[in-house]
Protein backbone atom coordinates (compact mmCIF):
# COMPACT_ATOMS: atom_id res chain seq x y z
CA MET A 1 -0.35 -0.09 0.08
CA ASN A 2 1.06 3.62 -0.52
CA ALA A 3 2.19 6.44 1.87
CA ILE A 4 -1.02 7.98 3.44
CA VAL A 5 -2.41 10.71 1.50
CA ARG A 6 -3.18 14.37 2.99
CA GLY A 7 -6.17 16.51 1.63
CA TRP A 8 -7.24 14.93 -1.79
CA CYS A 9 -9.39 12.07 -2.50
CA PRO A 10 -8.50 8.78 -1.16
CA SER A 11 -8.99 5.57 -2.45
CA LEU A 12 -8.49 1.91 -1.99
CA TYR A 13 -4.74 1.66 -2.17
CA GLU A 14 -4.07 5.78 -1.14
CA PRO A 15 -6.05 6.28 2.34
CA MET A 16 -6.80 10.04 3.28
CA GLN A 17 -6.07 10.40 7.09
CA SER A 18 -8.55 12.19 9.07
CA GLY A 19 -9.54 13.17 12.70
CA ASP A 20 -11.26 9.38 13.23
CA GLY A 21 -8.17 7.48 11.31
CA LEU A 22 -8.14 6.95 7.22
CA LEU A 23 -10.43 6.89 4.59
CA VAL A 24 -10.17 4.33 2.60
CA ARG A 25 -12.45 4.63 -0.64
CA ILE A 26 -14.03 1.42 -2.95
CA LYS A 27 -15.88 2.05 -6.45
CA PRO A 28 -18.27 -0.77 -7.57
CA SER A 29 -18.93 -2.20 -10.70
CA ALA A 30 -21.35 0.35 -12.72
CA SER A 31 -22.15 1.90 -8.92
CA ARG A 32 -23.90 -1.07 -7.45
CA LEU A 33 -23.67 -4.20 -5.15
CA ASP A 34 -25.21 -7.27 -4.64
CA ALA A 35 -26.44 -8.40 -1.39
CA MET A 36 -23.29 -10.52 -0.52
CA SER A 37 -20.94 -7.50 -1.32
CA ALA A 38 -22.96 -5.25 0.12
CA ARG A 39 -22.81 -7.14 3.29
CA HIS A 40 -19.55 -7.84 3.20
CA VAL A 41 -18.66 -4.22 3.22
CA ALA A 42 -20.71 -4.10 5.59
CA GLU A 43 -19.00 -6.15 7.55
CA ALA A 44 -15.77 -4.78 6.73
CA ALA A 45 -16.59 -1.17 8.41
CA LEU A 46 -17.46 -2.29 11.20
CA ARG A 47 -14.67 -4.86 11.63
CA HIS A 48 -11.58 -2.88 10.28
CA GLY A 49 -12.94 0.87 10.90
CA ASN A 50 -14.80 2.58 13.13
CA GLY A 51 -18.93 1.40 11.36
CA MET A 52 -18.82 4.65 9.94
CA ILE A 53 -19.80 4.58 5.53
CA GLU A 54 -20.27 7.53 3.35
CA LEU A 55 -22.10 7.95 -0.03
CA THR A 56 -19.98 10.14 -2.18
CA ASN A 57 -20.76 12.59 -4.84
CA ARG A 58 -19.32 10.14 -7.21
CA GLY A 59 -21.17 7.88 -5.79
CA ASN A 60 -18.24 5.67 -4.47
CA LEU A 61 -18.76 4.73 -0.62
CA GLN A 62 -15.95 5.75 1.38
CA LEU A 63 -15.37 4.08 4.77
CA ARG A 64 -13.79 5.46 8.00
CA GLY A 65 -11.80 4.92 10.77
CA PHE A 66 -9.15 2.72 9.78
CA SER A 67 -5.59 1.94 10.56
CA VAL A 68 -2.80 1.53 8.55
CA GLY A 69 -2.58 -2.40 8.67
CA SER A 70 -6.68 -2.70 8.29
CA ALA A 71 -6.65 -0.39 5.01
CA ALA A 72 -4.27 -3.19 4.07
CA LEU A 73 -6.15 -6.12 5.29
CA PHE A 74 -9.45 -4.58 3.74
CA ALA A 75 -7.17 -3.88 0.15
CA ARG A 76 -6.62 -7.51 -0.36
CA GLU A 77 -10.53 -8.51 0.94
CA ALA A 78 -12.13 -5.94 -1.51
CA VAL A 79 -10.15 -7.64 -4.59
CA GLU A 80 -11.24 -10.94 -3.68
CA LEU A 81 -14.63 -9.72 -3.43
CA GLY A 82 -14.34 -8.76 -7.41
CA LEU A 83 -14.86 -5.14 -5.59
CA ALA A 84 -11.06 -4.14 -7.36
CA VAL A 85 -8.49 -4.30 -9.02
CA ALA A 86 -5.59 -5.83 -7.57
CA ASP A 87 -3.23 -3.16 -9.31
CA PRO A 88 -3.14 0.21 -7.74
CA ALA A 89 -2.77 2.41 -10.92
CA ALA A 90 -5.38 0.64 -12.70
CA GLU A 91 -7.81 0.88 -9.86
CA ARG A 92 -7.09 4.84 -9.80
CA ARG A 93 -8.14 5.36 -12.96
CA ARG A 94 -11.47 3.21 -12.69
CA ASN A 95 -13.92 6.25 -12.26
CA ILE A 96 -17.06 5.22 -13.71
CA GLN A 97 -20.45 6.64 -12.63
CA ALA A 98 -23.29 4.96 -14.27
CA SER A 99 -27.58 4.87 -14.80
CA PRO A 100 -28.34 4.06 -11.59
CA LEU A 101 -31.35 2.20 -12.97
CA ALA A 102 -29.34 0.85 -16.59
CA GLY A 103 -31.44 -2.51 -16.59
CA ASP A 104 -34.19 -1.91 -14.88
CA ASP A 105 -35.52 2.19 -16.50
CA PRO A 106 -37.22 1.25 -19.54
CA ASP A 107 -36.55 5.08 -20.38
CA CYS A 108 -32.84 4.09 -19.81
CA ASP A 109 -31.13 2.73 -23.05
CA ALA A 110 -30.55 -0.92 -22.89
CA ASP A 111 -27.33 -0.75 -23.86
CA THR A 112 -25.75 1.57 -20.71
CA LEU A 113 -24.56 -1.78 -19.06
CA ALA A 114 -22.80 -3.25 -21.23
CA ILE A 115 -20.86 0.20 -22.26
CA ALA A 116 -20.39 1.01 -18.69
CA ARG A 117 -18.46 -2.55 -18.26
CA ALA A 118 -17.08 -2.20 -21.57
CA LEU A 119 -15.73 1.33 -20.52
CA GLU A 120 -14.03 -0.50 -16.99
CA ALA A 121 -12.44 -3.23 -19.08
CA VAL A 122 -10.60 -0.45 -21.76
CA LEU A 123 -9.39 1.91 -18.21
CA ILE A 124 -8.51 -1.19 -16.64
CA ALA A 125 -6.21 -2.49 -19.42
CA ASP A 126 -4.58 0.93 -20.21
CA ASP A 127 -1.49 1.96 -18.26
CA SER A 128 -1.03 4.57 -20.50
CA LEU A 129 -3.87 6.45 -18.72
CA ASN A 130 -1.52 5.98 -15.12
CA GLY A 131 -1.50 10.11 -15.29
CA LEU A 132 -5.00 10.94 -15.11
CA PRO A 133 -5.97 12.64 -11.76
CA GLY A 134 -7.27 10.45 -8.99
CA LYS A 135 -10.32 12.95 -10.15
CA PHE A 136 -10.35 12.32 -13.54
CA GLY A 137 -14.19 11.07 -14.33
CA PHE A 138 -16.25 9.24 -16.77
CA ALA A 139 -19.77 9.03 -16.84
CA VAL A 140 -22.47 6.59 -18.74
CA ASP A 141 -26.03 7.56 -18.81
CA GLY A 142 -28.33 6.23 -20.56
CA GLY A 143 -31.42 8.56 -19.36
CA GLY A 144 -34.84 7.50 -17.59
CA ALA A 145 -35.88 8.05 -14.75
CA LEU A 146 -32.52 8.93 -12.94
CA SER A 147 -30.43 10.50 -15.68
CA LEU A 148 -26.94 11.35 -14.81
CA GLU A 149 -27.90 15.36 -16.83
CA SER A 150 -26.52 16.63 -13.54
CA VAL A 151 -23.15 14.83 -13.00
CA ARG A 152 -20.44 16.78 -14.34
CA ALA A 153 -17.67 14.31 -15.48
CA ASP A 154 -14.83 15.03 -17.32
CA ILE A 155 -15.82 12.00 -20.00
CA THR A 156 -19.00 11.88 -20.47
CA LEU A 157 -20.76 8.65 -22.65
CA ARG A 158 -24.28 9.58 -23.55
CA ALA A 159 -27.28 8.04 -24.90
CA SER A 160 -28.78 10.88 -27.67
CA GLY A 161 -31.90 8.86 -29.01
CA PRO A 162 -32.79 4.88 -29.37
CA GLY A 163 -29.56 2.72 -30.03
CA SER A 164 -27.59 6.11 -30.50
CA TRP A 165 -24.93 7.60 -28.49
CA GLN A 166 -22.57 10.69 -28.41
CA VAL A 167 -19.44 11.23 -26.24
CA GLU A 168 -19.23 14.56 -24.78
CA ALA A 169 -16.02 16.59 -22.86
CA GLY A 170 -16.40 20.12 -21.81
CA ASP A 171 -17.76 22.07 -24.59
CA ALA A 172 -18.05 19.19 -27.50
CA ALA A 173 -19.80 16.00 -28.77
CA ALA A 174 -19.40 13.35 -31.67
CA ALA A 175 -21.80 10.84 -32.07
CA CYS A 176 -20.83 7.27 -32.15
CA THR A 177 -22.07 3.72 -32.04
CA VAL A 178 -22.06 1.46 -28.75
CA ALA A 179 -19.52 -0.30 -29.63
CA GLU A 180 -17.32 3.56 -30.60
CA ALA A 181 -18.78 4.65 -26.88
CA PRO A 182 -15.63 3.54 -24.52
CA LEU A 183 -12.59 3.76 -27.64
CA HIS A 184 -13.60 7.47 -28.06
CA ALA A 185 -13.46 7.58 -23.85
CA GLN A 186 -9.96 6.40 -24.20
CA ARG A 187 -9.28 8.07 -26.84
CA LEU A 188 -10.36 11.73 -25.64
CA ALA A 189 -8.33 10.46 -22.14
CA ARG A 190 -5.22 9.65 -23.79
CA ALA A 191 -5.71 12.99 -25.52
CA SER A 192 -5.87 15.26 -22.37
CA LEU A 193 -2.58 13.20 -21.18
CA ALA A 194 -0.74 15.21 -24.38
CA LEU A 195 -2.16 18.24 -24.70
CA PRO A 196 -0.09 21.66 -23.51
CA GLY A 197 -0.96 21.99 -20.03
CA ALA A 198 -1.97 18.45 -19.14
CA PRO A 199 -3.34 16.91 -17.21
CA VAL A 200 -6.41 18.75 -18.86
CA ARG A 201 -9.77 18.38 -17.05
CA PRO A 202 -13.06 19.30 -19.41
CA SER A 203 -15.66 19.61 -16.91
CA ARG A 204 -13.16 22.26 -14.78
CA ASP A 205 -12.21 24.00 -18.06
CA PRO A 206 -15.19 23.18 -20.59
CA VAL A 207 -13.39 25.08 -23.32
CA SER A 208 -10.99 22.20 -23.43
CA GLY A 209 -13.71 19.76 -24.56
CA THR A 210 -13.01 20.62 -28.32
CA MET A 211 -9.10 20.86 -28.28
CA LEU A 212 -9.45 17.06 -26.60
CA PHE A 213 -11.21 16.34 -29.62
CA GLN A 214 -9.27 18.31 -32.28
CA ALA A 215 -5.80 16.62 -30.64
CA ASP A 216 -7.12 13.54 -31.78
CA GLY A 217 -8.25 13.93 -34.93
CA LEU A 218 -12.13 13.82 -34.07
CA PRO A 219 -14.58 15.72 -35.22
CA CYS A 220 -17.13 17.32 -32.93
CA ARG A 221 -19.45 19.76 -32.80
CA PRO A 222 -20.26 22.51 -29.73
CA ILE A 223 -22.31 22.08 -26.64
CA GLY A 224 -24.19 24.74 -24.79
CA PHE A 225 -23.62 23.81 -20.75
CA VAL A 226 -27.28 23.95 -18.92
CA ALA A 227 -27.25 23.49 -15.26
CA ARG A 228 -29.60 20.37 -14.74
CA GLN A 229 -31.63 20.02 -11.14
CA SER A 230 -30.61 16.09 -10.07
CA PRO A 231 -33.26 13.80 -9.58
CA VAL A 232 -34.97 12.54 -6.62
CA ALA A 233 -33.95 9.34 -6.31
CA VAL A 234 -35.82 8.82 -2.73
CA GLY A 235 -39.37 6.61 -2.62
CA PRO A 236 -40.88 4.85 -5.45
CA LEU A 237 -39.35 4.66 -8.45
CA PRO A 238 -39.42 3.24 -12.23
CA ALA A 239 -39.88 -1.28 -12.26
CA GLY A 240 -40.43 -1.41 -8.87
CA ALA A 241 -37.70 0.55 -7.31
CA PHE A 242 -37.18 2.14 -4.38
CA GLY A 243 -34.93 4.68 -3.22
CA ILE A 244 -33.61 5.27 0.48
CA GLY A 245 -31.81 9.30 1.38
CA VAL A 246 -28.73 8.76 3.62
CA PRO A 247 -28.61 13.21 3.39
CA PRO A 248 -25.80 14.47 3.68
CA GLY A 249 -24.35 11.35 2.60
CA ARG A 250 -23.63 9.61 5.84
CA LEU A 251 -25.01 5.84 6.78
CA ASP A 252 -23.57 3.19 9.24
CA ALA A 253 -23.20 -0.27 8.55
CA SER A 254 -26.51 -1.12 10.03
CA LEU A 255 -28.39 0.47 7.32
CA LEU A 256 -26.10 -0.93 4.36
CA LEU A 257 -26.89 -4.91 6.39
CA GLN A 258 -30.88 -3.80 6.30
CA LEU A 259 -30.19 -3.58 2.71
CA ALA A 260 -28.64 -6.20 1.81
CA ALA A 261 -31.00 -8.68 3.61
CA LEU A 262 -33.69 -6.70 1.89
CA ALA A 263 -32.36 -7.76 -1.19
CA GLU A 264 -32.16 -11.35 -0.67
CA GLN A 265 -35.70 -11.69 0.84
CA LEU A 266 -37.23 -9.06 -1.73
CA GLY A 267 -36.01 -11.00 -4.48
CA GLU A 268 -32.49 -11.29 -6.63
CA ALA A 269 -31.99 -7.18 -6.25
CA THR A 270 -28.78 -4.84 -6.29
CA ILE A 271 -28.09 -1.52 -4.41
CA ARG A 272 -27.43 0.83 -6.84
CA LEU A 273 -25.10 3.76 -5.65
CA THR A 274 -26.48 7.27 -6.79
CA PRO A 275 -24.78 10.54 -6.87
CA TRP A 276 -27.37 11.85 -5.30
CA ARG A 277 -27.48 11.32 -1.93
CA ALA A 278 -29.25 7.72 -2.05
CA LEU A 279 -29.55 4.23 -2.33
CA VAL A 280 -31.84 2.17 -4.45
CA LEU A 281 -32.83 -0.94 -4.18
CA ALA A 282 -33.25 -1.83 -7.66
CA GLY A 283 -34.68 -5.42 -8.90
CA LEU A 284 -37.40 -5.86 -6.06
CA LEU A 285 -40.62 -8.42 -6.85
CA PRO A 286 -43.67 -7.06 -7.27
CA GLY A 287 -45.40 -5.73 -4.22
CA ALA A 288 -42.10 -5.10 -2.28
CA GLU A 289 -42.35 -1.90 -1.07
CA SER A 290 -44.44 -2.06 2.27
CA SER A 291 -42.08 -4.61 3.01
CA VAL A 292 -39.32 -1.97 2.34
CA ARG A 293 -41.13 0.57 3.96
CA SER A 294 -41.80 -1.32 7.14
CA THR A 295 -38.20 -2.40 7.43
CA LEU A 296 -36.85 0.85 6.73
CA ALA A 297 -39.65 2.72 9.00
CA GLY A 298 -36.75 6.16 10.64
CA GLN A 299 -35.40 5.96 7.65
CA LEU A 300 -35.66 8.66 4.94
CA LEU A 301 -38.22 7.76 2.56
CA ASP A 302 -40.27 10.34 1.83
CA PRO A 303 -38.79 12.43 -1.75
CA THR A 304 -40.23 15.58 -0.62
CA ASP A 305 -38.31 15.78 2.62
CA PRO A 306 -36.67 19.35 2.74
CA ARG A 307 -33.45 17.47 4.06
CA LEU A 308 -33.02 16.05 0.77
CA ARG A 309 -31.71 19.76 -0.28
CA THR A 310 -28.52 19.33 2.06
CA ALA A 311 -25.19 18.77 1.33
CA SER A 312 -22.47 18.41 3.90
CA CYS A 313 -18.85 17.31 4.38
CA ILE A 314 -18.07 15.11 7.90
CA GLY A 315 -17.04 18.46 9.43
CA ALA A 316 -15.75 18.68 13.04
CA PRO A 317 -14.79 16.65 15.00
CA ALA A 318 -13.50 13.58 12.20
CA CYS A 319 -12.00 15.83 10.24
CA PRO A 320 -9.39 17.98 11.38
CA ARG A 321 -9.43 21.12 9.07
CA GLY A 322 -13.21 20.95 10.09
CA MET A 323 -14.71 23.95 12.66
CA VAL A 324 -18.16 22.99 13.13
CA PRO A 325 -20.33 19.55 13.03
CA ALA A 326 -21.55 19.79 9.18
CA PRO A 327 -23.77 16.74 9.12
CA ALA A 328 -25.64 17.23 12.60
CA THR A 329 -26.00 21.41 10.84
CA ALA A 330 -27.19 20.42 7.78
CA PHE A 331 -29.60 17.68 8.85
CA GLN A 332 -30.85 20.41 11.58
CA LEU A 333 -31.23 22.93 9.49
CA GLY A 334 -32.79 20.83 6.98
CA ALA A 335 -35.35 20.17 8.19
CA LEU A 336 -36.11 23.91 8.62
CA LEU A 337 -35.69 24.55 5.19
CA PRO A 338 -38.09 26.47 2.89
CA ASP A 339 -40.30 25.42 -0.74
CA GLY A 340 -36.85 25.32 -2.55
CA VAL A 341 -34.32 26.39 -0.95
CA PHE A 342 -30.40 23.81 -0.78
CA LEU A 343 -28.09 24.45 1.70
CA HIS A 344 -24.31 22.97 1.83
CA VAL A 345 -22.64 22.54 4.89
CA SER A 346 -18.95 22.83 4.82
CA GLY A 347 -16.83 22.54 7.90
CA CYS A 348 -14.31 24.82 6.49
CA ALA A 349 -13.58 26.69 3.41
CA LYS A 350 -12.37 23.59 0.89
CA GLY A 351 -16.22 22.80 0.64
CA CYS A 352 -14.89 18.97 -0.23
CA ALA A 353 -18.74 17.98 -0.63
CA HIS A 354 -20.28 20.00 -2.98
CA PRO A 355 -17.52 22.01 -4.94
CA GLY A 356 -19.60 23.42 -7.01
CA THR A 357 -21.80 26.31 -6.61
CA ALA A 358 -24.80 26.05 -4.23
CA PRO A 359 -27.33 28.66 -3.53
CA LEU A 360 -26.83 29.06 -0.09
CA THR A 361 -23.57 28.14 2.02
CA LEU A 362 -22.53 27.38 5.74
CA VAL A 363 -19.26 27.63 6.14
CA GLY A 364 -17.27 26.64 9.60
CA HIS A 365 -15.28 29.63 10.84
CA ASP A 366 -13.96 29.32 14.78
CA GLY A 367 -16.81 27.43 15.96
CA LEU A 368 -19.46 29.71 13.82
CA TYR A 369 -20.64 29.63 10.61
CA ASP A 370 -20.56 32.28 7.64
CA LEU A 371 -23.10 32.26 5.02
CA VAL A 372 -22.10 32.64 1.02
CA VAL A 373 -24.80 33.28 -1.35
CA ASP A 374 -24.74 32.06 -5.14
CA GLY A 375 -21.13 31.08 -4.79
CA ARG A 376 -18.83 27.92 -3.27
CA ALA A 377 -17.33 27.53 0.22
CA GLY A 378 -14.00 29.06 -0.47
CA ASP A 379 -15.86 32.05 -1.75
CA THR A 380 -16.43 35.59 0.18
CA PRO A 381 -19.58 35.06 2.80
CA ARG A 382 -22.51 37.97 2.80
CA HIS A 383 -22.74 37.25 6.28
CA HIS A 384 -19.72 36.63 9.14
CA GLY A 385 -19.88 35.02 12.33
CA LEU A 386 -23.12 33.53 13.06
CA THR A 387 -24.31 31.47 15.07
CA LEU A 388 -26.65 28.27 14.67
CA ASP A 389 -29.68 30.11 15.26
CA MET A 390 -28.90 33.39 13.27
CA ALA A 391 -28.27 30.96 10.55
CA ALA A 392 -31.22 29.28 10.59
CA SER A 393 -33.43 32.59 10.67
CA LEU A 394 -31.34 34.03 7.63
CA LEU A 395 -32.29 30.45 5.42
CA HIS A 396 -35.70 31.97 5.55
CA GLN A 397 -34.90 34.96 3.79
CA HIS A 398 -33.90 33.58 0.72
CA LYS A 399 -36.50 31.58 -0.39
CA ASP A 400 -36.15 32.35 -4.06
CA HIS A 401 -32.81 30.04 -3.99
CA PRO A 402 -34.05 26.98 -6.05
CA ALA A 403 -32.32 23.91 -4.82
């Protein structure tokens, strides 16, 4: 295992030190776990860590409270379970989000899952991509009820019509066949390492997209970026699936064990990971919703719950940089949010949980809160030194900031 890394996204082989031990991250293939794998992950979180699990905005699972020794043991177990590959470099570049309901939602392109698997195989096999940053991400979006339109990946393969796909990078796109899609993504990723100033990340620098296509010799057309609202992945979903909210991305091992048991009891179901702080049970038997609701009573199952419009990091004391208990703050204030208001709570100015802009962002500062309006956690606040009660009062003055 490599040396402990601080200050960036952890991986399975590069754990990150935090206030409650090491963080390790797993990236389930095609954003899904079967019941057996989910149970093993939950048990590992209890056995090797502190039992706390985070669902990241990339649809990955982050396990907390590990030691150097237990992190190494878990890495070996993850490979044996098929949750990771043995080559650390290949595992690092295997960053793919796939439509959560691929294979179930009739409105999600039927080739979505096959393309995601093929892209994963291409990335694992291509050592020339070792220079990609750990945050360089791919998405495979087949559309449907849980489309990934709101997700900004560096390279996206997107269904564009019946049997039609396109590859997108930043401000440009090109049509492709199902067979070409993963290979075009590979070519653009290689191009991102060859341009001046490499590695280039189209998700951060959209104008670089056209440059990637040109460098690769692939004809393209311009596309504009339109901010999309994230879908609500909670409650009843197409094809009998059911979503469970876990704002602000925190769950303990016991919930994952419950979901694994439900997946086994109610059909050959699988657990789908979303980038929207929700887990989805898909492949359930007809009529399973009542059993899910009764078993998970007390969990967030209402798609209109205002706490779904929050995001937060782990905050203090688990994160040494955190200055406030961000999850508790988000959960408490989230229940009070006016209709349509979205809230990001960040323990410090890094804004790890929501790197982009947000209508309202509370940032911890010396045990109090600063409020940023229409910006990122590191931007200049409009209000400084707020207590929790003061922050709650100010939220109601910003009802014109939609989620």
